[in-house]
Amino acid sequence: QVQLVESGGGLVQPGGSLRLSCAASGSGFVLYDMGWARQAPGKQRELIAQITTDGTINYRDSVKGRFTISRDNAKNTVYLQMSSLKPEDTAVYYCNGDKYGLWSYWGQGTQVTVSP
């Protein structure tokens, strides 16, 4: 089992940048595919970026070219660097860890607000 804690959210102006971090505790971080999802008010949660155990990366089209996911297995941490932020990026951002497609864990979320 892994516990996930996100940090780094906040208020930022359009065009600005933020870096989210997700620290994992527990065992076997390297065995987890890690991802970031977000949920805007009134909308479903959507996965926006994922980095697998072998380093394969995928992005939702809406964030491609603006967001970068990375992981540091030595620190049990996954990051989401967000740039060129838009008001429509406003959401609660969640970290996800998935092991073998069988076990999936979520963090508590961190709020990102993009507003002038």
Protein backbone atom coordinates (compact mmCIF):
# COMPACT_ATOMS: atom_id res chain seq x y z
CA GLN A 1 0.00 0.00 0.00
CA VAL A 2 1.14 3.55 -0.69
CA GLN A 3 0.01 6.85 0.80
CA LEU A 4 0.11 9.93 -1.41
CA VAL A 5 0.32 13.57 -0.33
CA GLU A 6 0.13 16.40 -2.86
CA SER A 7 1.53 19.88 -2.40
CA GLY A 8 2.29 22.98 -4.44
CA GLY A 9 -1.17 24.16 -5.41
CA GLY A 10 -2.28 27.76 -5.15
CA LEU A 11 -3.46 30.84 -6.95
CA VAL A 12 -1.65 31.86 -10.12
CA GLN A 13 -2.32 34.35 -12.90
CA PRO A 14 -3.05 33.20 -16.45
CA GLY A 15 0.21 32.43 -18.23
CA GLY A 16 1.94 31.60 -14.97
CA SER A 17 3.53 28.41 -13.72
CA LEU A 18 3.24 26.05 -10.78
CA ARG A 19 4.93 22.84 -9.80
CA LEU A 20 2.96 20.21 -7.97
CA SER A 21 4.63 17.50 -5.93
CA CYS A 22 3.29 14.19 -4.73
CA ALA A 23 5.20 12.42 -1.99
CA ALA A 24 4.58 8.72 -1.56
CA SER A 25 5.10 6.76 1.62
CA GLY A 26 4.91 3.03 2.00
CA SER A 27 6.70 0.41 0.03
CA GLY A 28 7.29 -0.25 -3.61
CA PHE A 29 6.99 3.21 -5.18
CA VAL A 30 9.01 2.04 -8.17
CA LEU A 31 6.35 -0.56 -8.92
CA TYR A 32 3.62 2.04 -9.38
CA ASP A 33 2.58 3.82 -12.52
CA MET A 34 2.06 7.38 -11.32
CA GLY A 35 -0.34 9.95 -12.63
CA TRP A 36 -1.99 13.29 -12.12
CA ALA A 37 -5.71 13.84 -12.51
CA ARG A 38 -7.87 16.89 -11.99
CA GLN A 39 -11.47 17.61 -11.22
CA ALA A 40 -13.08 20.95 -11.96
CA PRO A 41 -16.35 21.97 -10.30
CA GLY A 42 -19.28 20.12 -11.83
CA LYS A 43 -17.03 17.93 -13.96
CA GLN A 44 -15.70 14.40 -13.75
CA ARG A 45 -12.19 13.67 -12.63
CA GLU A 46 -9.88 13.25 -15.63
CA LEU A 47 -6.41 11.81 -15.87
CA ILE A 48 -4.13 14.37 -17.47
CA ALA A 49 -0.65 12.91 -17.22
CA GLN A 50 0.90 9.55 -16.45
CA ILE A 51 4.42 8.20 -16.10
CA THR A 52 4.84 4.46 -15.97
CA THR A 53 7.36 2.36 -14.11
CA ASP A 54 9.57 2.25 -17.22
CA GLY A 55 9.32 6.00 -17.80
CA THR A 56 6.72 6.03 -20.56
CA ILE A 57 4.79 9.29 -20.45
CA ASN A 58 1.35 10.17 -21.71
CA TYR A 59 -0.61 13.42 -21.61
CA ARG A 60 -4.17 14.44 -22.24
CA ASP A 61 -4.31 16.66 -25.30
CA SER A 62 -5.50 19.65 -23.29
CA VAL A 63 -2.19 19.83 -21.38
CA LYS A 64 0.30 18.62 -23.99
CA GLY A 65 3.15 21.04 -24.48
CA ARG A 66 2.31 22.92 -21.27
CA PHE A 67 2.59 20.33 -18.49
CA THR A 68 5.48 18.01 -17.72
CA ILE A 69 5.30 14.98 -15.47
CA SER A 70 8.39 13.47 -13.91
CA ARG A 71 9.30 11.14 -11.10
CA ASP A 72 12.21 10.75 -8.73
CA ASN A 73 12.24 7.18 -7.49
CA ALA A 74 15.00 7.93 -4.99
CA LYS A 75 12.71 10.47 -3.33
CA ASN A 76 9.45 8.55 -3.85
CA THR A 77 8.04 11.66 -5.47
CA VAL A 78 6.23 12.52 -8.67
CA TYR A 79 6.02 16.06 -10.02
CA LEU A 80 3.80 18.01 -12.37
CA GLN A 81 5.36 21.14 -13.82
CA MET A 82 2.60 23.33 -15.19
CA SER A 83 3.25 26.34 -17.38
CA SER A 84 1.21 28.66 -19.60
CA LEU A 85 -1.66 28.11 -17.20
CA LYS A 86 -5.16 28.99 -18.30
CA PRO A 87 -8.33 29.69 -16.30
CA GLU A 88 -9.72 26.38 -17.54
CA ASP A 89 -6.89 24.60 -15.71
CA THR A 90 -8.56 25.58 -12.44
CA ALA A 91 -9.34 22.37 -10.58
CA VAL A 92 -8.42 20.16 -7.68
CA TYR A 93 -5.38 18.15 -8.75
CA TYR A 94 -4.97 14.60 -7.51
CA CYS A 95 -2.02 12.26 -7.52
CA ASN A 96 -2.63 8.62 -8.41
CA GLY A 97 -0.56 5.51 -7.99
CA ASP A 98 -1.51 2.34 -9.84
CA LYS A 99 0.11 -1.04 -9.37
CA TYR A 100 -0.37 -3.69 -12.03
CA GLY A 101 -3.81 -2.23 -12.79
CA LEU A 102 -5.05 -3.94 -9.65
CA TRP A 103 -4.36 -1.50 -6.84
CA SER A 104 -5.02 2.22 -7.23
CA TYR A 105 -4.47 4.91 -4.63
CA TRP A 106 -5.29 8.60 -4.56
CA GLY A 107 -4.03 11.58 -2.64
CA GLN A 108 -6.29 14.11 -0.97
CA GLY A 109 -5.88 16.68 -3.73
CA THR A 110 -4.51 20.20 -3.99
CA GLN A 111 -6.39 23.20 -5.34
CA VAL A 112 -5.05 25.08 -8.35
CA THR A 113 -6.78 28.33 -9.24
CA VAL A 114 -5.85 30.29 -12.36
CA SER A 115 -7.29 33.78 -12.19
CA PRO A 116 -6.21 37.37 -12.88
